[in-house]
Amino acid sequence: MMDHGQHEKLDYSVDDVKQQLRQLGWFDIDKVQTAILEPYGGLSIPPKSDYRPLTRKDFGSPYPMKHYPVELIIEGKLLEGSLQERKYQRNG
C-alpha cells in the first residue's frame, strides 16, 4: 500500500518505487513486506517472513566460533606463540 498523499509531495511515483525494487533484486512485489523510503531517497526493504533467507538460527544450530588467519611463519621464522594460540604442536 502506498501513501498517495505523501508520494505526491515527494514527487515519487509508483513506477519509481518499482524501478528501485528491481534494482535491489526484488522482481516479485508480492514478496515485499514494506518498502520504506529513506531520507536519502533510497529504499529499505524487509521481505515477508516466508521469503527471507534462512539462517543457522532457524535450524537451531549455534554459531561456531570464528577463527581468523594467523601468521605462523614470518621471514622464515616459526612463531611459537601463534602455534600455541591455535593449540598446534610442533613436530620434529
N, C-alpha and C. Protein backbone atom coordinates (compact mmCIF):
# COMPACT_ATOMS: atom_id res chain seq x y z
N MET A 1 0.85 -1.17 0.00
CA MET A 1 0.00 0.00 0.00
C MET A 1 0.90 1.23 0.00
N MET A 2 0.57 2.18 -0.82
CA MET A 2 1.37 3.39 -0.92
C MET A 2 0.56 4.57 -0.42
N ASP A 3 1.18 5.40 0.39
CA ASP A 3 0.53 6.61 0.88
C ASP A 3 0.58 7.64 -0.24
N HIS A 4 -0.51 7.74 -1.00
CA HIS A 4 -0.53 8.59 -2.19
C HIS A 4 -0.35 10.06 -1.88
N GLY A 5 -0.83 10.51 -0.74
CA GLY A 5 -0.65 11.92 -0.38
C GLY A 5 0.81 12.26 -0.17
N GLN A 6 1.54 11.35 0.45
CA GLN A 6 2.96 11.58 0.71
C GLN A 6 3.80 11.47 -0.55
N HIS A 7 3.54 10.47 -1.39
CA HIS A 7 4.40 10.32 -2.56
C HIS A 7 4.22 11.45 -3.55
N GLU A 8 3.04 12.08 -3.57
CA GLU A 8 2.85 13.25 -4.44
C GLU A 8 3.66 14.43 -3.92
N LYS A 9 3.74 14.60 -2.61
CA LYS A 9 4.55 15.67 -2.03
C LYS A 9 6.03 15.46 -2.36
N LEU A 10 6.43 14.22 -2.44
CA LEU A 10 7.83 13.90 -2.69
C LEU A 10 8.15 13.77 -4.17
N ASP A 11 7.15 13.87 -5.03
CA ASP A 11 7.32 13.68 -6.47
C ASP A 11 7.95 12.30 -6.73
N TYR A 12 7.35 11.29 -6.12
CA TYR A 12 7.84 9.92 -6.18
C TYR A 12 6.69 9.04 -6.63
N SER A 13 6.79 8.44 -7.80
CA SER A 13 5.68 7.67 -8.35
C SER A 13 5.79 6.18 -8.02
N VAL A 14 4.72 5.46 -8.29
CA VAL A 14 4.72 4.01 -8.12
C VAL A 14 5.78 3.40 -9.04
N ASP A 15 5.93 3.94 -10.24
CA ASP A 15 6.96 3.44 -11.16
C ASP A 15 8.36 3.64 -10.58
N ASP A 16 8.58 4.75 -9.88
CA ASP A 16 9.88 4.98 -9.24
C ASP A 16 10.16 3.90 -8.20
N VAL A 17 9.14 3.56 -7.42
CA VAL A 17 9.29 2.52 -6.39
C VAL A 17 9.57 1.18 -7.06
N LYS A 18 8.83 0.83 -8.09
CA LYS A 18 9.03 -0.44 -8.78
C LYS A 18 10.43 -0.53 -9.39
N GLN A 19 10.90 0.58 -9.94
CA GLN A 19 12.24 0.61 -10.53
C GLN A 19 13.30 0.35 -9.46
N GLN A 20 13.19 1.01 -8.31
CA GLN A 20 14.16 0.79 -7.24
C GLN A 20 14.08 -0.63 -6.70
N LEU A 21 12.88 -1.18 -6.61
CA LEU A 21 12.73 -2.57 -6.17
C LEU A 21 13.48 -3.51 -7.12
N ARG A 22 13.32 -3.31 -8.41
CA ARG A 22 14.03 -4.15 -9.39
C ARG A 22 15.54 -3.98 -9.27
N GLN A 23 16.00 -2.75 -9.09
CA GLN A 23 17.44 -2.50 -8.96
C GLN A 23 18.01 -3.21 -7.73
N LEU A 24 17.21 -3.39 -6.71
CA LEU A 24 17.64 -4.07 -5.49
C LEU A 24 17.40 -5.59 -5.55
N GLY A 25 16.92 -6.08 -6.70
CA GLY A 25 16.72 -7.52 -6.88
C GLY A 25 15.35 -8.03 -6.50
N TRP A 26 14.40 -7.15 -6.25
CA TRP A 26 13.04 -7.54 -5.89
C TRP A 26 12.16 -7.44 -7.12
N PHE A 27 12.09 -8.54 -7.89
CA PHE A 27 11.30 -8.55 -9.12
C PHE A 27 9.86 -8.97 -8.89
N ASP A 28 9.59 -9.63 -7.76
CA ASP A 28 8.23 -10.05 -7.43
C ASP A 28 7.77 -9.22 -6.23
N ILE A 29 6.93 -8.24 -6.49
CA ILE A 29 6.49 -7.30 -5.45
C ILE A 29 5.68 -8.00 -4.35
N ASP A 30 5.13 -9.18 -4.65
CA ASP A 30 4.36 -9.92 -3.64
C ASP A 30 5.24 -10.46 -2.51
N LYS A 31 6.57 -10.47 -2.71
CA LYS A 31 7.49 -10.96 -1.68
C LYS A 31 7.93 -9.85 -0.73
N VAL A 32 7.54 -8.62 -1.03
CA VAL A 32 7.98 -7.47 -0.24
C VAL A 32 6.95 -7.17 0.85
N GLN A 33 7.42 -7.10 2.09
CA GLN A 33 6.55 -6.72 3.21
C GLN A 33 6.24 -5.24 3.14
N THR A 34 7.29 -4.43 3.09
CA THR A 34 7.16 -2.97 3.11
C THR A 34 8.33 -2.38 2.36
N ALA A 35 8.12 -1.30 1.68
CA ALA A 35 9.22 -0.54 1.07
C ALA A 35 9.26 0.80 1.78
N ILE A 36 10.36 1.06 2.46
CA ILE A 36 10.48 2.29 3.25
C ILE A 36 11.35 3.28 2.50
N LEU A 37 10.79 4.43 2.19
CA LEU A 37 11.55 5.48 1.52
C LEU A 37 12.40 6.20 2.55
N GLU A 38 13.72 6.08 2.39
CA GLU A 38 14.65 6.68 3.34
C GLU A 38 14.89 8.15 2.99
N PRO A 39 15.36 8.95 3.95
CA PRO A 39 15.59 10.38 3.71
C PRO A 39 16.55 10.66 2.56
N TYR A 40 17.48 9.74 2.29
CA TYR A 40 18.44 9.95 1.20
C TYR A 40 17.87 9.56 -0.17
N GLY A 41 16.65 9.06 -0.19
CA GLY A 41 15.98 8.73 -1.45
C GLY A 41 15.99 7.25 -1.79
N GLY A 42 16.73 6.44 -1.05
CA GLY A 42 16.77 5.01 -1.31
C GLY A 42 15.65 4.29 -0.60
N LEU A 43 15.54 3.00 -0.90
CA LEU A 43 14.51 2.18 -0.27
C LEU A 43 15.15 1.16 0.67
N SER A 44 14.51 0.93 1.79
CA SER A 44 14.84 -0.19 2.67
C SER A 44 13.69 -1.17 2.53
N ILE A 45 14.04 -2.45 2.33
CA ILE A 45 13.00 -3.42 2.01
C ILE A 45 13.12 -4.67 2.87
N PRO A 46 12.31 -4.77 3.92
CA PRO A 46 12.26 -6.02 4.65
C PRO A 46 11.34 -7.00 3.91
N PRO A 47 11.81 -8.21 3.62
CA PRO A 47 10.96 -9.17 2.92
C PRO A 47 9.90 -9.75 3.85
N LYS A 48 8.86 -10.30 3.25
CA LYS A 48 7.88 -11.05 4.03
C LYS A 48 8.62 -12.23 4.66
N SER A 49 8.20 -12.63 5.83
CA SER A 49 8.94 -13.66 6.58
C SER A 49 9.09 -14.97 5.79
N ASP A 50 8.13 -15.29 4.93
CA ASP A 50 8.23 -16.51 4.13
C ASP A 50 9.35 -16.45 3.10
N TYR A 51 9.84 -15.25 2.79
CA TYR A 51 10.82 -15.08 1.72
C TYR A 51 12.19 -14.60 2.20
N ARG A 52 12.36 -14.45 3.50
CA ARG A 52 13.68 -14.01 3.99
C ARG A 52 14.64 -15.20 3.94
N PRO A 53 15.93 -14.94 3.81
CA PRO A 53 16.90 -16.05 3.76
C PRO A 53 16.93 -16.83 5.07
N LEU A 54 17.14 -18.13 4.97
CA LEU A 54 17.28 -18.96 6.17
C LEU A 54 18.63 -18.69 6.82
N THR A 55 18.66 -18.83 8.13
CA THR A 55 19.90 -18.67 8.87
C THR A 55 20.13 -19.91 9.72
N ARG A 56 21.33 -20.04 10.27
CA ARG A 56 21.62 -21.16 11.17
C ARG A 56 20.66 -21.16 12.35
N LYS A 57 20.28 -19.98 12.79
CA LYS A 57 19.38 -19.86 13.94
C LYS A 57 18.03 -20.52 13.65
N ASP A 58 17.58 -20.45 12.39
CA ASP A 58 16.31 -21.08 12.01
C ASP A 58 16.34 -22.60 12.24
N PHE A 59 17.54 -23.18 12.14
CA PHE A 59 17.68 -24.62 12.32
C PHE A 59 18.08 -24.99 13.74
N GLY A 60 18.21 -23.98 14.61
CA GLY A 60 18.60 -24.23 15.99
C GLY A 60 20.08 -24.55 16.14
N SER A 61 20.87 -24.22 15.13
CA SER A 61 22.30 -24.51 15.16
C SER A 61 23.06 -23.32 15.74
N PRO A 62 23.90 -23.57 16.75
CA PRO A 62 24.68 -22.45 17.30
C PRO A 62 25.76 -22.02 16.31
N TYR A 63 26.12 -20.77 16.38
CA TYR A 63 27.17 -20.26 15.51
C TYR A 63 28.52 -20.76 16.00
N PRO A 64 29.33 -21.32 15.11
CA PRO A 64 30.65 -21.77 15.53
C PRO A 64 31.56 -20.56 15.78
N MET A 65 32.55 -20.77 16.62
CA MET A 65 33.50 -19.71 16.89
C MET A 65 34.28 -19.40 15.61
N LYS A 66 34.39 -18.15 15.28
CA LYS A 66 35.08 -17.73 14.07
C LYS A 66 36.58 -17.67 14.33
N HIS A 67 37.34 -18.31 13.48
CA HIS A 67 38.80 -18.24 13.58
C HIS A 67 39.33 -17.40 12.43
N TYR A 68 40.21 -16.52 12.76
CA TYR A 68 40.81 -15.65 11.76
C TYR A 68 42.20 -16.17 11.42
N PRO A 69 42.69 -15.87 10.22
CA PRO A 69 44.03 -16.33 9.83
C PRO A 69 45.08 -15.79 10.80
N VAL A 70 46.04 -16.63 11.09
CA VAL A 70 47.15 -16.26 11.98
C VAL A 70 48.44 -16.57 11.24
N GLU A 71 49.38 -15.65 11.29
CA GLU A 71 50.68 -15.90 10.67
C GLU A 71 51.46 -16.86 11.54
N LEU A 72 51.93 -17.94 10.93
CA LEU A 72 52.72 -18.93 11.66
C LEU A 72 54.21 -18.79 11.37
N ILE A 73 54.53 -18.32 10.17
CA ILE A 73 55.92 -18.15 9.78
C ILE A 73 56.08 -16.76 9.17
N ILE A 74 57.05 -16.01 9.67
CA ILE A 74 57.37 -14.69 9.11
C ILE A 74 58.87 -14.65 8.86
N GLU A 75 59.23 -14.30 7.63
CA GLU A 75 60.63 -14.21 7.22
C GLU A 75 61.40 -15.47 7.59
N GLY A 76 60.76 -16.62 7.37
CA GLY A 76 61.41 -17.90 7.60
C GLY A 76 61.47 -18.34 9.05
N LYS A 77 60.89 -17.58 9.96
CA LYS A 77 60.94 -17.93 11.39
C LYS A 77 59.56 -18.37 11.87
N LEU A 78 59.55 -19.51 12.54
CA LEU A 78 58.31 -20.04 13.10
C LEU A 78 57.92 -19.24 14.34
N LEU A 79 56.68 -18.82 14.41
CA LEU A 79 56.18 -18.05 15.56
C LEU A 79 55.53 -19.02 16.55
N GLU A 80 56.28 -19.37 17.57
CA GLU A 80 55.81 -20.34 18.56
C GLU A 80 54.51 -19.87 19.25
N GLY A 81 54.42 -18.57 19.52
CA GLY A 81 53.22 -18.04 20.17
C GLY A 81 51.97 -18.27 19.35
N SER A 82 52.09 -18.14 18.02
CA SER A 82 50.94 -18.37 17.14
C SER A 82 50.53 -19.83 17.15
N LEU A 83 51.55 -20.72 17.22
CA LEU A 83 51.24 -22.15 17.31
C LEU A 83 50.46 -22.45 18.58
N GLN A 84 50.93 -21.91 19.69
CA GLN A 84 50.27 -22.16 20.97
C GLN A 84 48.86 -21.56 21.00
N GLU A 85 48.72 -20.38 20.40
CA GLU A 85 47.41 -19.71 20.37
C GLU A 85 46.37 -20.58 19.68
N ARG A 86 46.79 -21.28 18.62
CA ARG A 86 45.88 -22.15 17.87
C ARG A 86 45.89 -23.59 18.38
N LYS A 87 46.67 -23.83 19.42
CA LYS A 87 46.78 -25.17 20.01
C LYS A 87 47.34 -26.18 19.01
N TYR A 88 48.27 -25.70 18.17
CA TYR A 88 49.01 -26.57 17.27
C TYR A 88 50.26 -27.05 17.98
N GLN A 89 50.76 -28.21 17.57
CA GLN A 89 52.01 -28.73 18.14
C GLN A 89 53.07 -28.79 17.06
N ARG A 90 54.28 -28.48 17.46
CA ARG A 90 55.40 -28.53 16.54
C ARG A 90 55.90 -29.97 16.47
N ASN A 91 56.02 -30.51 15.26
CA ASN A 91 56.54 -31.87 15.07
C ASN A 91 57.98 -31.78 14.60
N GLY A 92 58.85 -32.42 15.30
CA GLY A 92 60.25 -32.53 14.89
C GLY A 92 61.15 -31.45 15.27
